[in-house]
Amino acid sequence: LDGGGEPEYGVISPANLGHAIQYEARRPTATDPFWWYIGPENWDRSMAFQEARDEAAALQGAEALGAPYVVTSEEALPSSVVGRLHFRDGSGSASRPGLGHFRLLAESAGGGLGLGSIFQQSRPDTVAYKLFQIVPGARLEVQTEPGTRVAARIDLQTNQGREFSYRTFAEADESGRAVLSLPYATERSRDPESRVGALSVYGIRFADQSRSLRVREADVMEGRRLRLE
């Protein structure tokens, strides 16, 4: 709370949640209901992050804000990066790779309502808030035939006991090199803030091959390169 000191980290969140994070978590946010006290520059940066549809643009915005943590809610636009985090846990689909630099740390209990949804009816499967951390991600490099799709999957469990899978893929370039960013470690995190644990190792599939891969916490946090032998 020292006015002359640099904050340890910032949190990007919906504007409605700004006060709760500032006064309960004692962490800075660039938005809150009294936005005019914060200033327009970081407010605009935060809004641009919330609306970003491209992971690279979202990461650039988070770096400008100095915020390695993101809180998501049902207020998110489903097609945005934040929406993909909240509604799909950042996992990819058949046509779009997963978000490789965001990992889920914790989520609120099912059935709750966020501040921006207080007039909506709650559903048992509703998760009001999720907390993500921005990480470098382990870089998996696979050498195969040009144009081959390399897919990765890991099964995880949240602090609320919900099980989900993170999926991503990359296609090999003209030299036959495919690079995937993997945001989760297969070992239990030593970070006390992490509440999401792996239930499996990564399953890697390409061409007619199926391989297993273990990823350490240091690999994720330092962006280390990994190769399948």
C-alpha atoms as a PDB file:
ATOM      1  CA  LEU A   1       0.000   0.000   0.000  1.00  0.00           C
ATOM      2  CA  ASP A   2       3.034   2.297  -0.213  1.00  0.00           C
ATOM      3  CA  GLY A   3       2.108   5.063  -2.626  1.00  0.00           C
ATOM      4  CA  GLY A   4       5.695   5.434  -3.757  1.00  0.00           C
ATOM      5  CA  GLY A   5       6.413   1.762  -4.343  1.00  0.00           C
ATOM      6  CA  GLU A   6       5.928  -0.483  -7.329  1.00  0.00           C
ATOM      7  CA  PRO A   7       3.124  -3.058  -6.970  1.00  0.00           C
ATOM      8  CA  GLU A   8       4.173  -6.697  -6.850  1.00  0.00           C
ATOM      9  CA  TYR A   9       1.795  -7.543  -9.652  1.00  0.00           C
ATOM     10  CA  GLY A  10      -1.409  -6.337 -11.253  1.00  0.00           C
ATOM     11  CA  VAL A  11      -4.620  -8.185 -12.034  1.00  0.00           C
ATOM     12  CA  ILE A  12      -6.717  -7.720 -15.155  1.00  0.00           C
ATOM     13  CA  SER A  13     -10.383  -8.147 -14.328  1.00  0.00           C
ATOM     14  CA  PRO A  14     -13.901  -7.045 -15.238  1.00  0.00           C
ATOM     15  CA  ALA A  15     -14.479  -3.487 -14.051  1.00  0.00           C
ATOM     16  CA  ASN A  16     -17.216  -4.594 -11.631  1.00  0.00           C
ATOM     17  CA  LEU A  17     -14.694  -6.709  -9.723  1.00  0.00           C
ATOM     18  CA  GLY A  18     -12.036  -4.026  -9.337  1.00  0.00           C
ATOM     19  CA  HIS A  19     -12.887  -2.966  -5.788  1.00  0.00           C
ATOM     20  CA  ALA A  20     -13.022  -6.539  -4.494  1.00  0.00           C
ATOM     21  CA  ILE A  21      -9.518  -7.244  -5.803  1.00  0.00           C
ATOM     22  CA  GLN A  22      -8.106  -3.947  -4.542  1.00  0.00           C
ATOM     23  CA  TYR A  23      -9.533  -4.123  -1.032  1.00  0.00           C
ATOM     24  CA  GLU A  24      -9.664  -7.870  -0.367  1.00  0.00           C
ATOM     25  CA  ALA A  25      -6.652  -9.138  -2.326  1.00  0.00           C
ATOM     26  CA  ARG A  26      -4.683  -5.886  -1.920  1.00  0.00           C
ATOM     27  CA  ARG A  27      -3.614  -5.985  -5.548  1.00  0.00           C
ATOM     28  CA  PRO A  28      -3.873  -3.239  -8.186  1.00  0.00           C
ATOM     29  CA  THR A  29      -6.333  -3.360 -11.067  1.00  0.00           C
ATOM     30  CA  ALA A  30      -6.600  -1.007 -14.030  1.00  0.00           C
ATOM     31  CA  THR A  31     -10.398  -0.874 -13.823  1.00  0.00           C
ATOM     32  CA  ASP A  32     -13.048  -0.482 -11.156  1.00  0.00           C
ATOM     33  CA  PRO A  33     -16.506   1.151 -10.880  1.00  0.00           C
ATOM     34  CA  PHE A  34     -14.872   4.557 -10.237  1.00  0.00           C
ATOM     35  CA  TRP A  35     -12.788   4.429 -13.381  1.00  0.00           C
ATOM     36  CA  TRP A  36     -12.170   8.185 -13.589  1.00  0.00           C
ATOM     37  CA  TYR A  37      -9.834   7.996 -10.586  1.00  0.00           C
ATOM     38  CA  ILE A  38      -7.612   5.473 -12.336  1.00  0.00           C
ATOM     39  CA  GLY A  39      -7.043   7.389 -15.544  1.00  0.00           C
ATOM     40  CA  PRO A  40      -7.994   6.704 -19.172  1.00  0.00           C
ATOM     41  CA  GLU A  41      -4.734   5.161 -20.435  1.00  0.00           C
ATOM     42  CA  ASN A  42      -4.729   1.961 -18.382  1.00  0.00           C
ATOM     43  CA  TRP A  43      -8.521   1.789 -18.516  1.00  0.00           C
ATOM     44  CA  ASP A  44      -8.331   1.733 -22.317  1.00  0.00           C
ATOM     45  CA  ARG A  45      -5.556  -0.860 -22.221  1.00  0.00           C
ATOM     46  CA  SER A  46      -7.635  -3.083 -19.965  1.00  0.00           C
ATOM     47  CA  MET A  47     -10.695  -2.746 -22.178  1.00  0.00           C
ATOM     48  CA  ALA A  48      -8.579  -3.580 -25.251  1.00  0.00           C
ATOM     49  CA  PHE A  49      -7.343  -6.711 -23.463  1.00  0.00           C
ATOM     50  CA  GLN A  50     -10.921  -7.755 -22.660  1.00  0.00           C
ATOM     51  CA  GLU A  51     -11.887  -7.395 -26.326  1.00  0.00           C
ATOM     52  CA  ALA A  52      -8.748  -8.930 -27.876  1.00  0.00           C
ATOM     53  CA  ARG A  53      -9.452 -11.889 -30.153  1.00  0.00           C
ATOM     54  CA  ASP A  54      -5.810 -12.743 -30.792  1.00  0.00           C
ATOM     55  CA  GLU A  55      -3.528 -14.208 -28.122  1.00  0.00           C
ATOM     56  CA  ALA A  56      -0.526 -12.144 -29.213  1.00  0.00           C
ATOM     57  CA  ALA A  57      -2.514  -8.910 -28.879  1.00  0.00           C
ATOM     58  CA  ALA A  58      -3.789  -9.948 -25.440  1.00  0.00           C
ATOM     59  CA  LEU A  59      -0.252 -10.755 -24.255  1.00  0.00           C
ATOM     60  CA  GLN A  60       1.016  -7.412 -25.499  1.00  0.00           C
ATOM     61  CA  GLY A  61      -1.755  -5.639 -23.590  1.00  0.00           C
ATOM     62  CA  ALA A  62      -1.036  -7.581 -20.396  1.00  0.00           C
ATOM     63  CA  GLU A  63       2.648  -6.681 -20.628  1.00  0.00           C
ATOM     64  CA  ALA A  64       1.794  -2.995 -20.981  1.00  0.00           C
ATOM     65  CA  LEU A  65      -0.366  -3.252 -17.864  1.00  0.00           C
ATOM     66  CA  GLY A  66       2.287  -5.165 -15.912  1.00  0.00           C
ATOM     67  CA  ALA A  67      -0.334  -7.749 -15.036  1.00  0.00           C
ATOM     68  CA  PRO A  68       0.494 -11.479 -15.091  1.00  0.00           C
ATOM     69  CA  TYR A  69      -2.890 -12.511 -13.661  1.00  0.00           C
ATOM     70  CA  VAL A  70      -6.344 -12.453 -15.250  1.00  0.00           C
ATOM     71  CA  VAL A  71      -9.735 -12.910 -13.627  1.00  0.00           C
ATOM     72  CA  THR A  72     -12.492 -13.926 -16.053  1.00  0.00           C
ATOM     73  CA  SER A  73     -16.260 -13.964 -15.678  1.00  0.00           C
ATOM     74  CA  GLU A  74     -19.442 -14.656 -17.618  1.00  0.00           C
ATOM     75  CA  GLU A  75     -19.352 -11.052 -18.809  1.00  0.00           C
ATOM     76  CA  ALA A  76     -16.634 -12.026 -21.301  1.00  0.00           C
ATOM     77  CA  LEU A  77     -17.292 -12.011 -25.036  1.00  0.00           C
ATOM     78  CA  PRO A  78     -17.264 -15.709 -26.074  1.00  0.00           C
ATOM     79  CA  SER A  79     -15.158 -15.008 -29.183  1.00  0.00           C
ATOM     80  CA  SER A  80     -12.508 -13.018 -27.294  1.00  0.00           C
ATOM     81  CA  VAL A  81      -9.373 -14.419 -25.658  1.00  0.00           C
ATOM     82  CA  VAL A  82     -10.940 -13.790 -22.244  1.00  0.00           C
ATOM     83  CA  GLY A  83     -14.109 -15.568 -23.362  1.00  0.00           C
ATOM     84  CA  ARG A  84     -12.130 -18.565 -24.602  1.00  0.00           C
ATOM     85  CA  LEU A  85     -10.423 -18.691 -21.222  1.00  0.00           C
ATOM     86  CA  HIS A  86     -13.631 -18.525 -19.219  1.00  0.00           C
ATOM     87  CA  PHE A  87     -15.864 -20.776 -21.300  1.00  0.00           C
ATOM     88  CA  ARG A  88     -13.268 -23.229 -22.691  1.00  0.00           C
ATOM     89  CA  ASP A  89     -10.434 -22.966 -20.137  1.00  0.00           C
ATOM     90  CA  GLY A  90      -8.210 -21.807 -22.990  1.00  0.00           C
ATOM     91  CA  SER A  91      -8.422 -25.195 -24.688  1.00  0.00           C
ATOM     92  CA  GLY A  92      -8.391 -25.389 -28.459  1.00  0.00           C
ATOM     93  CA  SER A  93     -10.918 -26.781 -30.904  1.00  0.00           C
ATOM     94  CA  ALA A  94     -10.636 -28.729 -34.135  1.00  0.00           C
ATOM     95  CA  SER A  95      -9.937 -25.519 -36.061  1.00  0.00           C
ATOM     96  CA  ARG A  96      -8.159 -23.329 -33.479  1.00  0.00           C
ATOM     97  CA  PRO A  97      -5.120 -24.083 -31.265  1.00  0.00           C
ATOM     98  CA  GLY A  98      -5.334 -23.650 -27.513  1.00  0.00           C
ATOM     99  CA  LEU A  99      -4.143 -20.501 -25.762  1.00  0.00           C
ATOM    100  CA  GLY A 100      -0.606 -21.533 -24.932  1.00  0.00           C
ATOM    101  CA  HIS A 101       0.366 -18.814 -22.452  1.00  0.00           C
ATOM    102  CA  PHE A 102      -2.538 -18.905 -19.994  1.00  0.00           C
ATOM    103  CA  ARG A 103      -3.012 -21.527 -17.289  1.00  0.00           C
ATOM    104  CA  LEU A 104      -5.917 -21.869 -14.900  1.00  0.00           C
ATOM    105  CA  LEU A 105      -4.976 -21.462 -11.229  1.00  0.00           C
ATOM    106  CA  ALA A 106      -8.352 -21.582  -9.480  1.00  0.00           C
ATOM    107  CA  GLU A 107     -12.075 -21.125  -9.986  1.00  0.00           C
ATOM    108  CA  SER A 108     -15.061 -20.230  -7.848  1.00  0.00           C
ATOM    109  CA  ALA A 109     -17.623 -22.797  -6.726  1.00  0.00           C
ATOM    110  CA  GLY A 110     -20.215 -23.881  -9.273  1.00  0.00           C
ATOM    111  CA  GLY A 111     -23.637 -22.300  -9.238  1.00  0.00           C
ATOM    112  CA  GLY A 112     -22.542 -18.793  -8.294  1.00  0.00           C
ATOM    113  CA  LEU A 113     -23.263 -15.513 -10.026  1.00  0.00           C
ATOM    114  CA  GLY A 114     -20.773 -12.765 -10.843  1.00  0.00           C
ATOM    115  CA  LEU A 115     -21.394  -9.109 -10.071  1.00  0.00           C
ATOM    116  CA  GLY A 116     -22.267  -8.423 -13.696  1.00  0.00           C
ATOM    117  CA  SER A 117     -24.847 -11.235 -13.769  1.00  0.00           C
ATOM    118  CA  ILE A 118     -26.819 -10.624 -10.570  1.00  0.00           C
ATOM    119  CA  PHE A 119     -30.112 -10.355 -12.439  1.00  0.00           C
ATOM    120  CA  GLN A 120     -29.663 -13.655 -14.264  1.00  0.00           C
ATOM    121  CA  GLN A 121     -30.780 -17.054 -13.045  1.00  0.00           C
ATOM    122  CA  SER A 122     -28.009 -19.217 -11.632  1.00  0.00           C
ATOM    123  CA  ARG A 123     -27.264 -22.637 -13.158  1.00  0.00           C
ATOM    124  CA  PRO A 124     -25.587 -25.532 -11.314  1.00  0.00           C
ATOM    125  CA  ASP A 125     -22.797 -25.695 -13.891  1.00  0.00           C
ATOM    126  CA  THR A 126     -22.093 -21.959 -13.809  1.00  0.00           C
ATOM    127  CA  VAL A 127     -18.643 -20.811 -12.670  1.00  0.00           C
ATOM    128  CA  ALA A 128     -18.742 -17.112 -11.831  1.00  0.00           C
ATOM    129  CA  TYR A 129     -14.987 -16.450 -11.785  1.00  0.00           C
ATOM    130  CA  LYS A 130     -11.757 -18.070 -12.928  1.00  0.00           C
ATOM    131  CA  LEU A 131      -8.194 -16.990 -12.169  1.00  0.00           C
ATOM    132  CA  PHE A 132      -5.518 -17.462 -14.835  1.00  0.00           C
ATOM    133  CA  GLN A 133      -1.785 -16.842 -14.808  1.00  0.00           C
ATOM    134  CA  ILE A 134       0.162 -15.711 -17.861  1.00  0.00           C
ATOM    135  CA  VAL A 135       3.208 -17.958 -18.328  1.00  0.00           C
ATOM    136  CA  PRO A 136       5.952 -18.322 -20.974  1.00  0.00           C
ATOM    137  CA  GLY A 137       4.881 -21.937 -21.541  1.00  0.00           C
ATOM    138  CA  ALA A 138       7.121 -24.874 -22.368  1.00  0.00           C
ATOM    139  CA  ARG A 139       7.987 -24.932 -26.099  1.00  0.00           C
ATOM    140  CA  LEU A 140       7.609 -28.399 -27.550  1.00  0.00           C
ATOM    141  CA  GLU A 141       9.381 -28.861 -30.884  1.00  0.00           C
ATOM    142  CA  VAL A 142       8.515 -31.854 -33.038  1.00  0.00           C
ATOM    143  CA  GLN A 143      10.211 -32.780 -36.317  1.00  0.00           C
ATOM    144  CA  THR A 144       7.912 -34.536 -38.759  1.00  0.00           C
ATOM    145  CA  GLU A 145       6.678 -34.275 -42.340  1.00  0.00           C
ATOM    146  CA  PRO A 146       5.745 -30.774 -43.572  1.00  0.00           C
ATOM    147  CA  GLY A 147       2.068 -29.991 -43.082  1.00  0.00           C
ATOM    148  CA  THR A 148       1.567 -32.670 -40.403  1.00  0.00           C
ATOM    149  CA  ARG A 149      -0.648 -31.692 -37.481  1.00  0.00           C
ATOM    150  CA  VAL A 150       0.903 -32.296 -34.054  1.00  0.00           C
ATOM    151  CA  ALA A 151      -1.713 -32.407 -31.268  1.00  0.00           C
ATOM    152  CA  ALA A 152      -1.252 -32.339 -27.492  1.00  0.00           C
ATOM    153  CA  ARG A 153      -3.663 -33.088 -24.652  1.00  0.00           C
ATOM    154  CA  ILE A 154      -3.446 -33.106 -20.856  1.00  0.00           C
ATOM    155  CA  ASP A 155      -6.182 -33.899 -18.308  1.00  0.00           C
ATOM    156  CA  LEU A 156      -6.492 -31.612 -15.284  1.00  0.00           C
ATOM    157  CA  GLN A 157      -8.571 -31.073 -12.145  1.00  0.00           C
ATOM    158  CA  THR A 158      -9.481 -27.720 -10.612  1.00  0.00           C
ATOM    159  CA  ASN A 159      -9.636 -26.690  -6.961  1.00  0.00           C
ATOM    160  CA  GLN A 160     -13.394 -27.369  -7.100  1.00  0.00           C
ATOM    161  CA  GLY A 161     -12.901 -30.934  -8.326  1.00  0.00           C
ATOM    162  CA  ARG A 162     -14.000 -30.224 -11.893  1.00  0.00           C
ATOM    163  CA  GLU A 163     -12.079 -32.229 -14.487  1.00  0.00           C
ATOM    164  CA  PHE A 164     -11.241 -30.806 -17.891  1.00  0.00           C
ATOM    165  CA  SER A 165      -8.781 -31.313 -20.713  1.00  0.00           C
ATOM    166  CA  TYR A 166      -6.455 -28.787 -22.291  1.00  0.00           C
ATOM    167  CA  ARG A 167      -5.882 -29.380 -26.001  1.00  0.00           C
ATOM    168  CA  THR A 168      -3.766 -27.625 -28.573  1.00  0.00           C
ATOM    169  CA  PHE A 169      -2.082 -28.314 -31.908  1.00  0.00           C
ATOM    170  CA  ALA A 170       0.359 -26.914 -34.445  1.00  0.00           C
ATOM    171  CA  GLU A 171       1.088 -27.769 -38.043  1.00  0.00           C
ATOM    172  CA  ALA A 172       4.638 -28.480 -39.207  1.00  0.00           C
ATOM    173  CA  ASP A 173       6.133 -25.816 -41.452  1.00  0.00           C
ATOM    174  CA  GLU A 174       7.951 -26.368 -44.752  1.00  0.00           C
ATOM    175  CA  SER A 175      10.978 -27.690 -42.892  1.00  0.00           C
ATOM    176  CA  GLY A 176       8.809 -30.184 -40.975  1.00  0.00           C
ATOM    177  CA  ARG A 177       9.098 -28.334 -37.648  1.00  0.00           C
ATOM    178  CA  ALA A 178       6.046 -27.900 -35.415  1.00  0.00           C
ATOM    179  CA  VAL A 179       6.159 -25.814 -32.214  1.00  0.00           C
ATOM    180  CA  LEU A 180       3.525 -26.036 -29.466  1.00  0.00           C
ATOM    181  CA  SER A 181       3.296 -23.885 -26.351  1.00  0.00           C
ATOM    182  CA  LEU A 182       2.299 -25.942 -23.299  1.00  0.00           C
ATOM    183  CA  PRO A 183       1.071 -23.899 -20.276  1.00  0.00           C
ATOM    184  CA  TYR A 184       0.671 -26.719 -17.729  1.00  0.00           C
ATOM    185  CA  ALA A 185       3.236 -28.827 -15.920  1.00  0.00           C
ATOM    186  CA  THR A 186       2.584 -32.519 -15.400  1.00  0.00           C
ATOM    187  CA  GLU A 187       4.075 -32.343 -11.904  1.00  0.00           C
ATOM    188  CA  ARG A 188       2.278 -30.806  -8.945  1.00  0.00           C
ATOM    189  CA  SER A 189       3.073 -27.103  -8.766  1.00  0.00           C
ATOM    190  CA  ARG A 190       5.075 -25.889  -5.768  1.00  0.00           C
ATOM    191  CA  ASP A 191       3.351 -22.511  -6.042  1.00  0.00           C
ATOM    192  CA  PRO A 192       0.874 -22.304  -3.117  1.00  0.00           C
ATOM    193  CA  GLU A 193      -1.381 -20.141  -5.281  1.00  0.00           C
ATOM    194  CA  SER A 194      -1.880 -22.929  -7.818  1.00  0.00           C
ATOM    195  CA  ARG A 195      -4.988 -25.027  -7.219  1.00  0.00           C
ATOM    196  CA  VAL A 196      -5.111 -26.913 -10.527  1.00  0.00           C
ATOM    197  CA  GLY A 197      -3.312 -30.250 -10.820  1.00  0.00           C
ATOM    198  CA  ALA A 198      -2.520 -32.585 -13.699  1.00  0.00           C
ATOM    199  CA  LEU A 199      -4.279 -35.934 -13.859  1.00  0.00           C
ATOM    200  CA  SER A 200      -2.111 -37.195 -16.708  1.00  0.00           C
ATOM    201  CA  VAL A 201       1.024 -36.533 -18.697  1.00  0.00           C
ATOM    202  CA  TYR A 202       0.719 -34.917 -22.124  1.00  0.00           C
ATOM    203  CA  GLY A 203      -0.402 -37.171 -24.905  1.00  0.00           C
ATOM    204  CA  ILE A 204       1.261 -36.128 -28.174  1.00  0.00           C
ATOM    205  CA  ARG A 205      -0.136 -37.367 -31.488  1.00  0.00           C
ATOM    206  CA  PHE A 206       1.199 -36.805 -35.006  1.00  0.00           C
ATOM    207  CA  ALA A 207       1.115 -38.851 -38.184  1.00  0.00           C
ATOM    208  CA  ASP A 208       0.691 -42.431 -36.967  1.00  0.00           C
ATOM    209  CA  GLN A 209       2.565 -41.888 -33.703  1.00  0.00           C
ATOM    210  CA  SER A 210       1.350 -41.515 -30.136  1.00  0.00           C
ATOM    211  CA  ARG A 211       3.846 -40.373 -27.514  1.00  0.00           C
ATOM    212  CA  SER A 212       3.841 -39.311 -23.846  1.00  0.00           C
ATOM    213  CA  LEU A 213       5.550 -36.221 -22.485  1.00  0.00           C
ATOM    214  CA  ARG A 214       6.305 -35.018 -18.956  1.00  0.00           C
ATOM    215  CA  VAL A 215       6.673 -31.273 -18.416  1.00  0.00           C
ATOM    216  CA  ARG A 216       8.255 -29.742 -15.330  1.00  0.00           C
ATOM    217  CA  GLU A 217       7.185 -26.523 -13.631  1.00  0.00           C
ATOM    218  CA  ALA A 218      10.501 -24.907 -14.558  1.00  0.00           C
ATOM    219  CA  ASP A 219       9.879 -25.798 -18.215  1.00  0.00           C
ATOM    220  CA  VAL A 220       6.615 -23.830 -18.142  1.00  0.00           C
ATOM    221  CA  MET A 221       7.845 -20.840 -16.140  1.00  0.00           C
ATOM    222  CA  GLU A 222      11.118 -20.437 -18.059  1.00  0.00           C
ATOM    223  CA  GLY A 223       9.805 -21.207 -21.527  1.00  0.00           C
ATOM    224  CA  ARG A 224      12.244 -24.073 -22.030  1.00  0.00           C
ATOM    225  CA  ARG A 225      12.486 -25.929 -25.310  1.00  0.00           C
ATOM    226  CA  LEU A 226      11.481 -29.583 -25.258  1.00  0.00           C
ATOM    227  CA  ARG A 227      11.956 -32.176 -27.976  1.00  0.00           C
ATOM    228  CA  LEU A 228      10.530 -35.626 -28.512  1.00  0.00           C
ATOM    229  CA  GLU A 229      13.362 -38.088 -28.971  1.00  0.00           C
END
